[in-house]
């Protein structure tokens, strides 16, 4: 699997940007768990974005969910932040347990990553999309199909988990409802809160930074001075830095 590569990039700001039409709006939440992360690196990070704007952040060092946009702080009461802080502390423990389980399944030791991305998009014509997927060591692991209420598993370990997750039909329906209804409702709410700021930045396209390191392409996101590996693929060019727009999924 190769060793985990973690980058400390305090001067670089990389935001998840919309790749498509600027009139498409998105809400995305990313969660990352790291086993054996090393000194000063959080073992768990959660960040939220509306379009390319960071709106929330939590990590296992601060153990607090905090606003990353003034309009989020101004419009959401303290009990909102406390409630979601408690939920994310639970997610932090869950990620630790699930990552340990995956390492046992794969017979891995050392530093590895477990990631979750969930979100939705609202198009100009009012149509919507929703997505939920997991990755292990930067590679696709499980992808949710909300239309069929099923999970796409990419290997034998994932197939074992797929069977367990698909046995819980209530949870599958909950995820579908969250993607199609609750996520869109939150997105519309946040767009109203931040309409002045988001209108000024909606036409920007901000790339992720991708570097070729040790024969792999590594995508890096940066939050509060901490850059972490979020994706890894074999590159065509293995020297220097490569800049790509953010993948839409």
C-alpha atoms as a PDB file:
ATOM      1  CA  UNK A   1       0.000   0.000   0.000  1.00  0.00           C
ATOM      2  CA  UNK A   2       2.917   2.361   0.447  1.00  0.00           C
ATOM      3  CA  UNK A   3       3.381   4.638   3.379  1.00  0.00           C
ATOM      4  CA  UNK A   4       0.999   7.450   4.255  1.00  0.00           C
ATOM      5  CA  UNK A   5       2.215  10.806   2.996  1.00  0.00           C
ATOM      6  CA  UNK A   6       1.198  13.799   5.100  1.00  0.00           C
ATOM      7  CA  UNK A   7       2.089  17.346   4.087  1.00  0.00           C
ATOM      8  CA  UNK A   8       2.278  20.426   6.293  1.00  0.00           C
ATOM      9  CA  UNK A   9       1.499  23.321   3.981  1.00  0.00           C
ATOM     10  CA  UNK A  10       0.670  26.341   6.175  1.00  0.00           C
ATOM     11  CA  UNK A  11       0.889  28.923   3.393  1.00  0.00           C
ATOM     12  CA  UNK A  12      -1.224  27.140   0.783  1.00  0.00           C
ATOM     13  CA  UNK A  13      -4.987  27.450   0.694  1.00  0.00           C
ATOM     14  CA  UNK A  14      -6.693  24.791  -1.380  1.00  0.00           C
ATOM     15  CA  UNK A  15     -10.451  24.692  -1.593  1.00  0.00           C
ATOM     16  CA  UNK A  16     -12.823  22.188  -3.102  1.00  0.00           C
ATOM     17  CA  UNK A  17     -14.143  24.066  -6.132  1.00  0.00           C
ATOM     18  CA  UNK A  18     -17.032  23.417  -8.429  1.00  0.00           C
ATOM     19  CA  UNK A  19     -15.819  21.977 -11.669  1.00  0.00           C
ATOM     20  CA  UNK A  20     -19.028  22.591 -13.525  1.00  0.00           C
ATOM     21  CA  UNK A  21     -21.251  25.605 -14.237  1.00  0.00           C
ATOM     22  CA  UNK A  22     -20.934  28.391 -11.673  1.00  0.00           C
ATOM     23  CA  UNK A  23     -24.743  28.362 -11.341  1.00  0.00           C
ATOM     24  CA  UNK A  24     -24.553  24.894  -9.811  1.00  0.00           C
ATOM     25  CA  UNK A  25     -24.211  25.025  -6.026  1.00  0.00           C
ATOM     26  CA  UNK A  26     -22.896  22.247  -3.808  1.00  0.00           C
ATOM     27  CA  UNK A  27     -22.636  21.275  -0.160  1.00  0.00           C
ATOM     28  CA  UNK A  28     -19.906  18.771   0.676  1.00  0.00           C
ATOM     29  CA  UNK A  29     -18.590  17.307   3.917  1.00  0.00           C
ATOM     30  CA  UNK A  30     -15.260  15.484   4.064  1.00  0.00           C
ATOM     31  CA  UNK A  31     -14.098  13.318   6.957  1.00  0.00           C
ATOM     32  CA  UNK A  32     -10.644  11.836   7.232  1.00  0.00           C
ATOM     33  CA  UNK A  33      -9.268   9.373   9.759  1.00  0.00           C
ATOM     34  CA  UNK A  34      -5.553   8.638  10.031  1.00  0.00           C
ATOM     35  CA  UNK A  35      -3.987   5.723  11.896  1.00  0.00           C
ATOM     36  CA  UNK A  36      -0.644   6.442  13.559  1.00  0.00           C
ATOM     37  CA  UNK A  37      -0.726  10.043  12.262  1.00  0.00           C
ATOM     38  CA  UNK A  38       2.470  11.350  13.841  1.00  0.00           C
ATOM     39  CA  UNK A  39       3.188  14.303  16.112  1.00  0.00           C
ATOM     40  CA  UNK A  40       0.879  17.278  15.697  1.00  0.00           C
ATOM     41  CA  UNK A  41      -1.269  15.706  12.972  1.00  0.00           C
ATOM     42  CA  UNK A  42      -4.924  15.093  13.903  1.00  0.00           C
ATOM     43  CA  UNK A  43      -6.139  11.511  13.735  1.00  0.00           C
ATOM     44  CA  UNK A  44      -9.531  12.812  12.581  1.00  0.00           C
ATOM     45  CA  UNK A  45     -10.572  15.839  10.518  1.00  0.00           C
ATOM     46  CA  UNK A  46     -13.984  16.962   9.283  1.00  0.00           C
ATOM     47  CA  UNK A  47     -14.490  19.934   6.962  1.00  0.00           C
ATOM     48  CA  UNK A  48     -17.548  21.344   5.230  1.00  0.00           C
ATOM     49  CA  UNK A  49     -17.767  23.386   2.036  1.00  0.00           C
ATOM     50  CA  UNK A  50     -20.445  25.333   0.214  1.00  0.00           C
ATOM     51  CA  UNK A  51     -19.211  25.553  -3.353  1.00  0.00           C
ATOM     52  CA  UNK A  52     -15.527  26.451  -2.909  1.00  0.00           C
ATOM     53  CA  UNK A  53     -15.989  28.145   0.472  1.00  0.00           C
ATOM     54  CA  UNK A  54     -15.014  26.391   3.719  1.00  0.00           C
ATOM     55  CA  UNK A  55     -17.871  26.702   6.198  1.00  0.00           C
ATOM     56  CA  UNK A  56     -17.097  24.345   9.105  1.00  0.00           C
ATOM     57  CA  UNK A  57     -14.137  22.532  10.626  1.00  0.00           C
ATOM     58  CA  UNK A  58     -13.502  19.964  13.348  1.00  0.00           C
ATOM     59  CA  UNK A  59     -10.420  17.984  14.284  1.00  0.00           C
ATOM     60  CA  UNK A  60      -9.407  15.564  16.996  1.00  0.00           C
ATOM     61  CA  UNK A  61      -7.008  18.074  18.557  1.00  0.00           C
ATOM     62  CA  UNK A  62      -9.488  20.898  19.174  1.00  0.00           C
ATOM     63  CA  UNK A  63     -12.473  18.519  19.498  1.00  0.00           C
ATOM     64  CA  UNK A  64     -14.808  21.406  18.614  1.00  0.00           C
ATOM     65  CA  UNK A  65     -16.867  22.070  15.498  1.00  0.00           C
ATOM     66  CA  UNK A  66     -16.229  25.655  14.501  1.00  0.00           C
ATOM     67  CA  UNK A  67     -17.431  28.039  11.775  1.00  0.00           C
ATOM     68  CA  UNK A  68     -15.046  28.833   8.937  1.00  0.00           C
ATOM     69  CA  UNK A  69     -17.172  31.600   7.408  1.00  0.00           C
ATOM     70  CA  UNK A  70     -18.399  34.703   9.275  1.00  0.00           C
ATOM     71  CA  UNK A  71     -21.924  34.241   7.963  1.00  0.00           C
ATOM     72  CA  UNK A  72     -22.050  30.768   9.499  1.00  0.00           C
ATOM     73  CA  UNK A  73     -21.067  32.125  12.912  1.00  0.00           C
ATOM     74  CA  UNK A  74     -23.600  34.951  12.621  1.00  0.00           C
ATOM     75  CA  UNK A  75     -26.572  32.789  11.691  1.00  0.00           C
ATOM     76  CA  UNK A  76     -26.196  29.600  13.719  1.00  0.00           C
ATOM     77  CA  UNK A  77     -26.695  29.637  17.483  1.00  0.00           C
ATOM     78  CA  UNK A  78     -24.178  28.210  19.993  1.00  0.00           C
ATOM     79  CA  UNK A  79     -26.357  25.155  20.607  1.00  0.00           C
ATOM     80  CA  UNK A  80     -25.961  24.202  16.921  1.00  0.00           C
ATOM     81  CA  UNK A  81     -22.185  24.075  17.261  1.00  0.00           C
ATOM     82  CA  UNK A  82     -22.367  22.181  20.544  1.00  0.00           C
ATOM     83  CA  UNK A  83     -24.819  19.604  19.170  1.00  0.00           C
ATOM     84  CA  UNK A  84     -22.690  18.896  16.103  1.00  0.00           C
ATOM     85  CA  UNK A  85     -19.510  18.902  18.172  1.00  0.00           C
ATOM     86  CA  UNK A  86     -20.933  15.985  20.144  1.00  0.00           C
ATOM     87  CA  UNK A  87     -21.920  14.178  16.940  1.00  0.00           C
ATOM     88  CA  UNK A  88     -18.452  14.627  15.446  1.00  0.00           C
ATOM     89  CA  UNK A  89     -16.796  13.328  18.601  1.00  0.00           C
ATOM     90  CA  UNK A  90     -18.833  10.194  18.007  1.00  0.00           C
ATOM     91  CA  UNK A  91     -17.738  10.104  14.358  1.00  0.00           C
ATOM     92  CA  UNK A  92     -14.135  10.485  15.483  1.00  0.00           C
ATOM     93  CA  UNK A  93     -14.391   7.343  17.606  1.00  0.00           C
ATOM     94  CA  UNK A  94     -16.302   5.502  14.869  1.00  0.00           C
ATOM     95  CA  UNK A  95     -13.613   6.305  12.297  1.00  0.00           C
ATOM     96  CA  UNK A  96     -10.925   5.017  14.650  1.00  0.00           C
ATOM     97  CA  UNK A  97     -12.773   1.727  15.153  1.00  0.00           C
ATOM     98  CA  UNK A  98     -13.556   1.285  11.445  1.00  0.00           C
ATOM     99  CA  UNK A  99     -10.015   2.120  10.342  1.00  0.00           C
ATOM    100  CA  UNK A 100      -8.597  -0.385  12.834  1.00  0.00           C
ATOM    101  CA  UNK A 101     -11.016  -3.000  11.501  1.00  0.00           C
ATOM    102  CA  UNK A 102      -9.991  -2.305   7.904  1.00  0.00           C
ATOM    103  CA  UNK A 103      -6.311  -2.606   8.771  1.00  0.00           C
ATOM    104  CA  UNK A 104      -6.985  -6.000  10.336  1.00  0.00           C
ATOM    105  CA  UNK A 105      -8.932  -7.131   7.247  1.00  0.00           C
ATOM    106  CA  UNK A 106      -6.099  -6.029   4.949  1.00  0.00           C
ATOM    107  CA  UNK A 107      -3.375  -7.165   7.387  1.00  0.00           C
ATOM    108  CA  UNK A 108      -1.922  -3.646   7.322  1.00  0.00           C
ATOM    109  CA  UNK A 109       0.106  -1.819   9.949  1.00  0.00           C
ATOM    110  CA  UNK A 110       1.493   1.703  10.216  1.00  0.00           C
ATOM    111  CA  UNK A 111      -0.206   4.811   8.832  1.00  0.00           C
ATOM    112  CA  UNK A 112      -3.340   4.479   6.705  1.00  0.00           C
ATOM    113  CA  UNK A 113      -6.333   6.660   5.889  1.00  0.00           C
ATOM    114  CA  UNK A 114     -10.094   6.237   5.874  1.00  0.00           C
ATOM    115  CA  UNK A 115     -12.223   8.900   4.224  1.00  0.00           C
ATOM    116  CA  UNK A 116     -15.859   9.814   3.745  1.00  0.00           C
ATOM    117  CA  UNK A 117     -17.395  12.336   1.370  1.00  0.00           C
ATOM    118  CA  UNK A 118     -21.082  13.177   1.452  1.00  0.00           C
ATOM    119  CA  UNK A 119     -22.935  15.991  -0.237  1.00  0.00           C
ATOM    120  CA  UNK A 120     -25.405  17.285  -2.761  1.00  0.00           C
ATOM    121  CA  UNK A 121     -25.717  19.675  -5.674  1.00  0.00           C
ATOM    122  CA  UNK A 122     -28.478  22.068  -6.679  1.00  0.00           C
ATOM    123  CA  UNK A 123     -28.668  22.961 -10.354  1.00  0.00           C
ATOM    124  CA  UNK A 124     -30.088  26.159 -11.827  1.00  0.00           C
ATOM    125  CA  UNK A 125     -33.146  24.296 -13.134  1.00  0.00           C
ATOM    126  CA  UNK A 126     -33.926  23.029  -9.625  1.00  0.00           C
ATOM    127  CA  UNK A 127     -32.747  19.457 -10.177  1.00  0.00           C
ATOM    128  CA  UNK A 128     -30.497  17.905  -7.553  1.00  0.00           C
ATOM    129  CA  UNK A 129     -27.897  15.205  -7.070  1.00  0.00           C
ATOM    130  CA  UNK A 130     -26.537  13.499  -3.981  1.00  0.00           C
ATOM    131  CA  UNK A 131     -23.432  11.449  -3.309  1.00  0.00           C
ATOM    132  CA  UNK A 132     -21.862   9.424  -0.510  1.00  0.00           C
ATOM    133  CA  UNK A 133     -18.653   7.445  -0.773  1.00  0.00           C
ATOM    134  CA  UNK A 134     -15.775   6.075   1.255  1.00  0.00           C
ATOM    135  CA  UNK A 135     -12.100   5.600   0.458  1.00  0.00           C
ATOM    136  CA  UNK A 136      -9.282   3.619   2.052  1.00  0.00           C
ATOM    137  CA  UNK A 137      -5.738   4.884   1.540  1.00  0.00           C
ATOM    138  CA  UNK A 138      -7.032   7.371  -1.005  1.00  0.00           C
ATOM    139  CA  UNK A 139      -8.676   4.755  -3.215  1.00  0.00           C
ATOM    140  CA  UNK A 140     -12.410   4.283  -3.784  1.00  0.00           C
ATOM    141  CA  UNK A 141     -13.739   1.728  -1.312  1.00  0.00           C
ATOM    142  CA  UNK A 142     -17.552   1.980  -1.089  1.00  0.00           C
ATOM    143  CA  UNK A 143     -19.913   4.127  -3.195  1.00  0.00           C
ATOM    144  CA  UNK A 144     -23.583   4.583  -2.316  1.00  0.00           C
ATOM    145  CA  UNK A 145     -26.292   4.360  -4.987  1.00  0.00           C
ATOM    146  CA  UNK A 146     -29.290   6.187  -3.557  1.00  0.00           C
ATOM    147  CA  UNK A 147     -31.559   5.108  -6.401  1.00  0.00           C
ATOM    148  CA  UNK A 148     -31.084   1.379  -5.808  1.00  0.00           C
ATOM    149  CA  UNK A 149     -30.365   1.689  -2.065  1.00  0.00           C
ATOM    150  CA  UNK A 150     -27.187  -0.317  -2.485  1.00  0.00           C
ATOM    151  CA  UNK A 151     -23.428   0.008  -2.113  1.00  0.00           C
ATOM    152  CA  UNK A 152     -20.846  -0.528  -4.838  1.00  0.00           C
ATOM    153  CA  UNK A 153     -17.921  -2.429  -3.312  1.00  0.00           C
ATOM    154  CA  UNK A 154     -14.516  -2.351  -4.990  1.00  0.00           C
ATOM    155  CA  UNK A 155     -12.811  -5.401  -3.453  1.00  0.00           C
ATOM    156  CA  UNK A 156     -13.402  -8.462  -1.286  1.00  0.00           C
ATOM    157  CA  UNK A 157     -13.027  -6.561   1.989  1.00  0.00           C
ATOM    158  CA  UNK A 158     -15.526  -3.965   0.817  1.00  0.00           C
ATOM    159  CA  UNK A 159     -17.925  -6.739  -0.244  1.00  0.00           C
ATOM    160  CA  UNK A 160     -17.917  -8.070   3.320  1.00  0.00           C
ATOM    161  CA  UNK A 161     -18.876  -4.637   4.638  1.00  0.00           C
ATOM    162  CA  UNK A 162     -21.393  -4.131   1.818  1.00  0.00           C
ATOM    163  CA  UNK A 163     -23.410  -7.128   2.988  1.00  0.00           C
ATOM    164  CA  UNK A 164     -23.585  -5.785   6.534  1.00  0.00           C
ATOM    165  CA  UNK A 165     -24.502  -2.252   5.484  1.00  0.00           C
ATOM    166  CA  UNK A 166     -27.177  -3.388   3.018  1.00  0.00           C
ATOM    167  CA  UNK A 167     -28.809  -5.521   5.695  1.00  0.00           C
ATOM    168  CA  UNK A 168     -29.838  -2.310   7.466  1.00  0.00           C
ATOM    169  CA  UNK A 169     -32.599  -1.091   5.144  1.00  0.00           C
ATOM    170  CA  UNK A 170     -33.608   1.670   7.539  1.00  0.00           C
ATOM    171  CA  UNK A 171     -30.127   3.204   7.371  1.00  0.00           C
ATOM    172  CA  UNK A 172     -30.073   2.987   3.570  1.00  0.00           C
ATOM    173  CA  UNK A 173     -33.386   4.837   3.363  1.00  0.00           C
ATOM    174  CA  UNK A 174     -32.146   7.407   5.877  1.00  0.00           C
ATOM    175  CA  UNK A 175     -29.079   8.121   3.749  1.00  0.00           C
ATOM    176  CA  UNK A 176     -31.244   8.509   0.634  1.00  0.00           C
ATOM    177  CA  UNK A 177     -33.572  10.923   2.428  1.00  0.00           C
ATOM    178  CA  UNK A 178     -30.653  12.931   3.797  1.00  0.00           C
ATOM    179  CA  UNK A 179     -29.070  13.301   0.359  1.00  0.00           C
ATOM    180  CA  UNK A 180     -32.312  14.187  -1.421  1.00  0.00           C
ATOM    181  CA  UNK A 181     -34.014  16.319   1.207  1.00  0.00           C
ATOM    182  CA  UNK A 182     -32.037  17.366   4.268  1.00  0.00           C
ATOM    183  CA  UNK A 183     -28.782  18.093   2.436  1.00  0.00           C
ATOM    184  CA  UNK A 184     -30.587  20.250  -0.129  1.00  0.00           C
ATOM    185  CA  UNK A 185     -32.456  22.080   2.645  1.00  0.00           C
ATOM    186  CA  UNK A 186     -29.165  22.868   4.422  1.00  0.00           C
ATOM    187  CA  UNK A 187     -27.583  23.952   1.144  1.00  0.00           C
ATOM    188  CA  UNK A 188     -30.410  26.400   0.406  1.00  0.00           C
ATOM    189  CA  UNK A 189     -30.179  27.715   3.947  1.00  0.00           C
ATOM    190  CA  UNK A 190     -26.422  28.245   3.728  1.00  0.00           C
ATOM    191  CA  UNK A 191     -26.727  29.884   0.299  1.00  0.00           C
ATOM    192  CA  UNK A 192     -29.110  32.410   1.831  1.00  0.00           C
ATOM    193  CA  UNK A 193     -26.783  33.033   4.790  1.00  0.00           C
ATOM    194  CA  UNK A 194     -23.750  33.580   2.583  1.00  0.00           C
ATOM    195  CA  UNK A 195     -25.349  34.987  -0.560  1.00  0.00           C
ATOM    196  CA  UNK A 196     -23.234  38.160  -0.640  1.00  0.00           C
ATOM    197  CA  UNK A 197     -19.916  36.334  -0.252  1.00  0.00           C
ATOM    198  CA  UNK A 198     -20.837  33.385  -2.456  1.00  0.00           C
ATOM    199  CA  UNK A 199     -22.033  35.625  -5.288  1.00  0.00           C
ATOM    200  CA  UNK A 200     -18.651  37.336  -5.335  1.00  0.00           C
ATOM    201  CA  UNK A 201     -16.730  34.056  -5.551  1.00  0.00           C
ATOM    202  CA  UNK A 202     -19.080  31.752  -7.485  1.00  0.00           C
ATOM    203  CA  UNK A 203     -17.215  32.186 -10.777  1.00  0.00           C
ATOM    204  CA  UNK A 204     -13.840  31.231  -9.336  1.00  0.00           C
ATOM    205  CA  UNK A 205     -12.251  27.899 -10.133  1.00  0.00           C
ATOM    206  CA  UNK A 206      -9.728  26.928  -7.487  1.00  0.00           C
ATOM    207  CA  UNK A 207      -7.658  23.815  -8.238  1.00  0.00           C
ATOM    208  CA  UNK A 208      -6.476  21.203  -5.865  1.00  0.00           C
ATOM    209  CA  UNK A 209      -2.733  20.876  -5.622  1.00  0.00           C
ATOM    210  CA  UNK A 210      -1.532  17.519  -6.874  1.00  0.00           C
ATOM    211  CA  UNK A 211       2.073  16.462  -6.515  1.00  0.00           C
ATOM    212  CA  UNK A 212       3.808  13.406  -7.904  1.00  0.00           C
ATOM    213  CA  UNK A 213       5.527  11.779  -4.951  1.00  0.00           C
ATOM    214  CA  UNK A 214       7.152   8.352  -4.862  1.00  0.00           C
ATOM    215  CA  UNK A 215       5.422   7.277  -8.061  1.00  0.00           C
ATOM    216  CA  UNK A 216       1.945   8.315  -6.947  1.00  0.00           C
ATOM    217  CA  UNK A 217      -0.220  11.337  -7.577  1.00  0.00           C
ATOM    218  CA  UNK A 218      -1.297  12.837  -4.278  1.00  0.00           C
ATOM    219  CA  UNK A 219      -4.162  15.287  -3.890  1.00  0.00           C
ATOM    220  CA  UNK A 220      -3.867  17.585  -0.924  1.00  0.00           C
ATOM    221  CA  UNK A 221      -6.464  19.626   0.891  1.00  0.00           C
ATOM    222  CA  UNK A 222      -5.401  22.199   3.417  1.00  0.00           C
ATOM    223  CA  UNK A 223      -7.198  23.298   6.535  1.00  0.00           C
ATOM    224  CA  UNK A 224      -5.741  25.524   9.228  1.00  0.00           C
ATOM    225  CA  UNK A 225      -2.190  24.819   8.176  1.00  0.00           C
ATOM    226  CA  UNK A 226      -2.566  21.045   7.947  1.00  0.00           C
ATOM    227  CA  UNK A 227      -2.431  19.341   4.570  1.00  0.00           C
ATOM    228  CA  UNK A 228      -3.420  15.717   4.325  1.00  0.00           C
ATOM    229  CA  UNK A 229      -3.465  13.129   1.589  1.00  0.00           C
ATOM    230  CA  UNK A 230      -6.953  12.742   0.191  1.00  0.00           C
ATOM    231  CA  UNK A 231      -6.455  10.863  -3.065  1.00  0.00           C
ATOM    232  CA  UNK A 232      -3.701   8.877  -4.723  1.00  0.00           C
ATOM    233  CA  UNK A 233      -3.338   7.537  -8.265  1.00  0.00           C
ATOM    234  CA  UNK A 234      -0.559   6.429 -10.560  1.00  0.00           C
ATOM    235  CA  UNK A 235       0.615   9.441 -12.564  1.00  0.00           C
ATOM    236  CA  UNK A 236       1.487   9.738 -16.209  1.00  0.00           C
ATOM    237  CA  UNK A 237       4.146  12.274 -15.375  1.00  0.00           C
ATOM    238  CA  UNK A 238       6.142  11.592 -12.252  1.00  0.00           C
ATOM    239  CA  UNK A 239       8.149  14.773 -11.875  1.00  0.00           C
ATOM    240  CA  UNK A 240       7.164  18.156 -10.548  1.00  0.00           C
ATOM    241  CA  UNK A 241       3.737  19.388  -9.594  1.00  0.00           C
ATOM    242  CA  UNK A 242       0.548  18.790 -11.549  1.00  0.00           C
ATOM    243  CA  UNK A 243      -2.547  20.971 -11.189  1.00  0.00           C
ATOM    244  CA  UNK A 244      -5.988  19.592 -11.973  1.00  0.00           C
ATOM    245  CA  UNK A 245      -9.482  20.952 -11.318  1.00  0.00           C
ATOM    246  CA  UNK A 246     -11.329  19.269  -8.505  1.00  0.00           C
ATOM    247  CA  UNK A 247     -13.140  16.093  -9.592  1.00  0.00           C
ATOM    248  CA  UNK A 248     -16.890  16.570  -9.416  1.00  0.00           C
ATOM    249  CA  UNK A 249     -17.385  13.345  -7.474  1.00  0.00           C
END
